Amino acid sequence: MINHIILWKLKTTLSDAEKAEIKRNIDKGLSSLVGVIPGLVSSEVRTECLPSSNCDVMLESRFETVEALNAYRIDARHNAVADKYVRPYVETRLCFDHED
């Protein structure tokens, strides 16, 4: 199993209300891809973090294979969600992929 972990820091120019809506949209959009994109086993978005955190959103997705992860990265459905709900609002993105 392949784990794909993404951390995002939202733009500091966004209000708290805007950030809350963006977080809901990210969760809804990325969760909707499970069962749609082949090899994507699960997708969990976490937005409630402790004050010690220095990011706003965490995505943890699981894939059947590295090939499935690579296909997800270029999948038009994934990129449509990212282009609409994620990329316009993100200041920083970190990625950590690993295999179980």
Protein backbone atom coordinates (compact mmCIF):
# COMPACT_ATOMS: atom_id res chain seq x y z
CA MET A 1 0.00 0.00 0.00
CA ILE A 2 1.27 3.49 -0.90
CA ASN A 3 0.61 6.43 1.44
CA HIS A 4 0.48 9.91 -0.07
CA ILE A 5 0.58 12.68 2.53
CA ILE A 6 0.20 16.32 1.57
CA LEU A 7 0.44 19.34 3.87
CA TRP A 8 -0.87 22.71 2.74
CA LYS A 9 -0.53 26.15 4.23
CA LEU A 10 -3.30 28.41 2.97
CA LYS A 11 -2.56 31.95 1.87
CA THR A 12 -2.27 34.33 4.81
CA THR A 13 -4.37 36.92 2.97
CA LEU A 14 -7.46 34.73 3.37
CA SER A 15 -9.92 35.46 6.17
CA ASP A 16 -10.84 32.79 8.72
CA ALA A 17 -14.25 32.42 7.07
CA GLU A 18 -12.65 31.98 3.65
CA LYS A 19 -10.22 29.40 5.04
CA ALA A 20 -13.09 27.45 6.64
CA GLU A 21 -14.97 27.31 3.34
CA ILE A 22 -11.83 26.34 1.41
CA LYS A 23 -11.12 23.53 3.87
CA ARG A 24 -14.68 22.17 3.45
CA ASN A 25 -14.35 22.33 -0.34
CA ILE A 26 -10.96 20.59 -0.32
CA ASP A 27 -12.38 17.79 1.82
CA LYS A 28 -15.52 17.40 -0.27
CA GLY A 29 -13.66 17.56 -3.59
CA LEU A 30 -10.85 15.14 -2.78
CA SER A 31 -13.09 12.69 -0.92
CA SER A 32 -15.34 12.51 -3.98
CA LEU A 33 -12.51 10.89 -5.97
CA VAL A 34 -12.48 7.67 -3.91
CA GLY A 35 -14.15 4.94 -5.95
CA VAL A 36 -13.81 7.07 -9.08
CA ILE A 37 -10.07 7.06 -9.73
CA PRO A 38 -8.68 3.52 -10.11
CA GLY A 39 -6.29 2.46 -7.36
CA LEU A 40 -7.26 5.25 -4.94
CA VAL A 41 -8.25 3.30 -1.83
CA SER A 42 -8.95 6.14 0.61
CA SER A 43 -8.61 9.88 1.01
CA GLU A 44 -8.81 11.66 4.36
CA VAL A 45 -8.55 15.42 4.78
CA ARG A 46 -7.72 16.76 8.24
CA THR A 47 -8.31 20.43 9.03
CA GLU A 48 -8.63 20.58 12.81
CA CYS A 49 -5.07 20.88 14.05
CA LEU A 50 -3.39 21.81 17.28
CA PRO A 51 -2.00 25.35 17.70
CA SER A 52 1.53 23.91 17.42
CA SER A 53 0.89 23.06 13.74
CA ASN A 54 2.35 25.23 11.00
CA CYS A 55 0.04 24.11 8.22
CA ASP A 56 -3.72 24.32 7.69
CA VAL A 57 -4.71 21.15 5.84
CA MET A 58 -3.43 17.58 5.67
CA LEU A 59 -4.40 15.03 3.05
CA GLU A 60 -3.63 11.37 3.58
CA SER A 61 -4.48 9.17 0.61
CA ARG A 62 -3.79 5.49 0.14
CA PHE A 63 -3.14 3.82 -3.20
CA GLU A 64 -2.87 0.22 -4.26
CA THR A 65 0.42 0.78 -6.11
CA VAL A 66 2.98 3.42 -7.05
CA GLU A 67 1.57 3.24 -10.58
CA ALA A 68 -1.89 4.13 -9.24
CA LEU A 69 -0.42 7.15 -7.41
CA ASN A 70 1.38 8.27 -10.56
CA ALA A 71 -1.83 7.92 -12.60
CA TYR A 72 -3.75 9.91 -9.95
CA ARG A 73 -1.29 12.79 -10.23
CA ILE A 74 -2.11 13.29 -13.90
CA ASP A 75 -5.77 12.25 -13.79
CA ALA A 76 -7.99 15.02 -15.17
CA ARG A 77 -10.58 14.52 -12.40
CA HIS A 78 -7.95 14.96 -9.68
CA ASN A 79 -6.48 18.00 -11.41
CA ALA A 80 -9.93 19.56 -11.85
CA VAL A 81 -10.49 19.34 -8.08
CA ALA A 82 -6.99 20.64 -7.33
CA ASP A 83 -7.35 23.52 -9.80
CA LYS A 84 -10.73 24.57 -8.41
CA TYR A 85 -10.42 23.97 -4.66
CA VAL A 86 -6.72 23.78 -3.75
CA ARG A 87 -4.11 25.44 -5.94
CA PRO A 88 -5.58 28.98 -6.02
CA TYR A 89 -5.58 29.17 -2.21
CA VAL A 90 -2.32 27.49 -1.23
CA GLU A 91 0.84 29.29 -0.24
CA THR A 92 2.96 26.20 0.55
CA ARG A 93 2.67 22.51 -0.34
CA LEU A 94 4.70 19.63 1.09
CA CYS A 95 4.46 16.00 0.01
CA PHE A 96 5.65 12.80 1.69
CA ASP A 97 5.00 9.47 -0.05
CA HIS A 98 5.87 6.12 1.50
CA GLU A 99 5.11 2.45 1.21
CA ASP A 100 3.71 0.24 3.96
